[in-house]
Amino acid sequence: MSRWATHFLLLGTKAYKMHCLELDATGNLQRYFPLTEEIAGTSFVEGILLAVPASLAPTQEEIRHWLSSKQFPDYSSLITFFMEKALHTPGLGEKVRLFQIRLHPLSASELSTDYSSGNCHIQ
C-alpha cells in the first residue's frame, strides 16, 4: 500500500485541497480523504496530484516519445491533454496512474497539517 498527500488532489472534475489518497500494492485506488494530521508512511507531493484511470493514462514510453519528438510545443498543450484525461473520475478499486503538476510556487513548508510554517516530513 502507498499513501500520497498533496496540496491539491484532482479526481475527475473535482479538486480537493490538502488531501491524501491510498493505493494498494497493484496501484488500485483504495480511498481518499482530507489530510487532517500527519500519518506515518505518507509521501508528501508538492503541487497538484492528478489521478487518471490507468486505461486512459499514457505510458512512460509514450511520454518519453512525446518529449523527444516535441509533440507538445508548450506546457499548456500538455496540460490540456492531461485535463481531457482527468475528466474521467477513477472509481474506488480502479487502477490509476498518478501525475504531479508543479506550476505554482507552493513550498513544502505549506504542506503541513497545522500550517505552522515548519517543514512537514515523516520518515
Protein backbone atom coordinates (compact mmCIF):
# COMPACT_ATOMS: atom_id res chain seq x y z
CA MET A 1 0.00 0.00 0.00
CA SER A 2 1.14 3.55 -0.68
CA ARG A 3 -0.28 6.80 0.64
CA TRP A 4 0.19 10.18 -1.07
CA ALA A 5 -0.60 13.61 0.34
CA THR A 6 -0.70 16.77 -1.75
CA HIS A 7 -1.75 20.42 -1.81
CA PHE A 8 -4.45 19.65 -4.38
CA LEU A 9 -5.80 16.28 -5.50
CA LEU A 10 -7.63 16.17 -8.84
CA LEU A 11 -10.12 13.34 -9.28
CA GLY A 12 -12.20 13.82 -12.40
CA THR A 13 -13.69 17.30 -12.37
CA LYS A 14 -13.29 17.76 -8.62
CA ALA A 15 -10.33 19.31 -6.83
CA TYR A 16 -9.66 18.54 -3.17
CA LYS A 17 -7.39 20.77 -1.12
CA MET A 18 -4.93 19.12 1.31
CA HIS A 19 -5.96 15.52 0.67
CA CYS A 20 -4.44 12.05 0.84
CA LEU A 21 -5.06 9.10 -1.39
CA GLU A 22 -4.21 5.47 -0.83
CA LEU A 23 -3.30 2.88 -3.45
CA ASP A 24 -2.96 -0.84 -2.91
CA ALA A 25 0.16 -2.76 -3.97
CA THR A 26 -1.09 -3.07 -7.58
CA GLY A 27 -1.99 0.62 -7.99
CA ASN A 28 -5.73 0.40 -7.37
CA LEU A 29 -7.36 3.43 -5.71
CA GLN A 30 -8.48 2.39 -2.23
CA ARG A 31 -9.65 5.68 -0.72
CA TYR A 32 -9.03 9.42 -0.50
CA PHE A 33 -9.59 11.65 2.48
CA PRO A 34 -8.77 15.11 3.92
CA LEU A 35 -5.30 15.50 5.39
CA THR A 36 -6.05 16.48 8.98
CA GLU A 37 -2.99 15.04 10.69
CA GLU A 38 0.43 13.67 9.86
CA ILE A 39 0.30 9.95 9.07
CA ALA A 40 3.39 7.74 9.14
CA GLY A 41 4.36 6.26 5.79
CA THR A 42 2.80 9.08 3.76
CA SER A 43 4.68 10.58 0.81
CA PHE A 44 4.14 14.34 0.52
CA VAL A 45 3.99 15.75 -3.01
CA GLU A 46 4.14 19.47 -3.77
CA GLY A 47 1.59 21.00 -6.08
CA ILE A 48 -1.21 19.10 -7.78
CA LEU A 49 -1.61 15.33 -7.92
CA LEU A 50 -3.69 14.14 -10.85
CA ALA A 51 -5.15 10.62 -10.63
CA VAL A 52 -6.05 9.23 -14.06
CA PRO A 53 -7.61 5.82 -14.75
CA ALA A 54 -4.75 3.61 -15.94
CA SER A 55 -6.71 2.61 -19.04
CA LEU A 56 -6.64 6.25 -20.21
CA ALA A 57 -3.21 7.27 -18.96
CA PRO A 58 -0.18 7.44 -21.24
CA THR A 59 2.66 5.01 -20.58
CA GLN A 60 6.21 6.06 -19.70
CA GLU A 61 7.29 5.11 -23.22
CA GLU A 62 4.62 7.38 -24.74
CA ILE A 63 5.70 10.28 -22.55
CA ARG A 64 9.37 9.76 -23.48
CA HIS A 65 8.40 9.72 -27.16
CA TRP A 66 6.40 12.96 -26.79
CA LEU A 67 9.31 14.69 -25.08
CA SER A 68 11.90 13.52 -27.61
CA SER A 69 9.71 14.31 -30.63
CA LYS A 70 8.49 17.62 -29.14
CA GLN A 71 4.89 16.61 -29.87
CA PHE A 72 3.71 19.16 -27.32
CA PRO A 73 5.16 22.58 -28.17
CA ASP A 74 4.46 24.05 -24.74
CA TYR A 75 3.19 23.21 -21.28
CA SER A 76 -0.33 24.46 -21.98
CA SER A 77 -0.90 21.86 -24.71
CA LEU A 78 0.44 19.10 -22.45
CA ILE A 79 -1.78 20.25 -19.56
CA THR A 80 -4.77 20.38 -21.92
CA PHE A 81 -4.09 16.76 -22.92
CA PHE A 82 -3.96 15.63 -19.29
CA MET A 83 -7.04 17.61 -18.31
CA GLU A 84 -9.03 15.84 -21.04
CA LYS A 85 -7.99 12.53 -19.47
CA ALA A 86 -8.68 13.83 -15.97
CA LEU A 87 -12.36 14.40 -16.72
CA HIS A 88 -12.81 10.67 -16.14
CA THR A 89 -13.11 10.06 -12.40
CA PRO A 90 -11.42 6.86 -11.27
CA GLY A 91 -13.61 4.64 -9.13
CA LEU A 92 -12.56 3.01 -5.88
CA GLY A 93 -10.76 -0.22 -6.67
CA GLU A 94 -9.80 1.01 -10.16
CA LYS A 95 -6.15 1.02 -11.25
CA VAL A 96 -4.81 4.59 -11.55
CA ARG A 97 -1.66 6.38 -12.60
CA LEU A 98 -0.56 9.46 -10.71
CA PHE A 99 0.89 12.59 -12.30
CA GLN A 100 2.39 15.53 -10.42
CA ILE A 101 1.83 19.03 -11.76
CA ARG A 102 4.10 21.72 -10.31
CA LEU A 103 3.03 25.02 -11.83
CA HIS A 104 2.65 27.18 -8.75
CA PRO A 105 5.03 28.46 -6.08
CA LEU A 106 3.74 26.49 -3.07
CA SER A 107 6.58 25.36 -0.85
CA ALA A 108 6.87 22.14 1.12
CA SER A 109 6.55 24.15 4.33
CA GLU A 110 2.97 24.99 3.35
CA LEU A 111 2.11 21.28 3.25
CA SER A 112 1.68 20.77 6.96
CA THR A 113 -1.48 19.93 8.83
CA ASP A 114 -1.07 22.72 11.36
CA TYR A 115 0.07 25.44 8.91
CA SER A 116 2.91 26.31 11.30
CA SER A 117 5.44 27.20 8.57
CA GLY A 118 7.65 24.29 9.58
CA ASN A 119 8.69 21.61 7.17
CA CYS A 120 6.43 18.59 7.46
CA HIS A 121 8.36 15.39 6.81
CA ILE A 122 7.71 11.89 8.06
CA GLN A 123 10.26 9.08 7.75
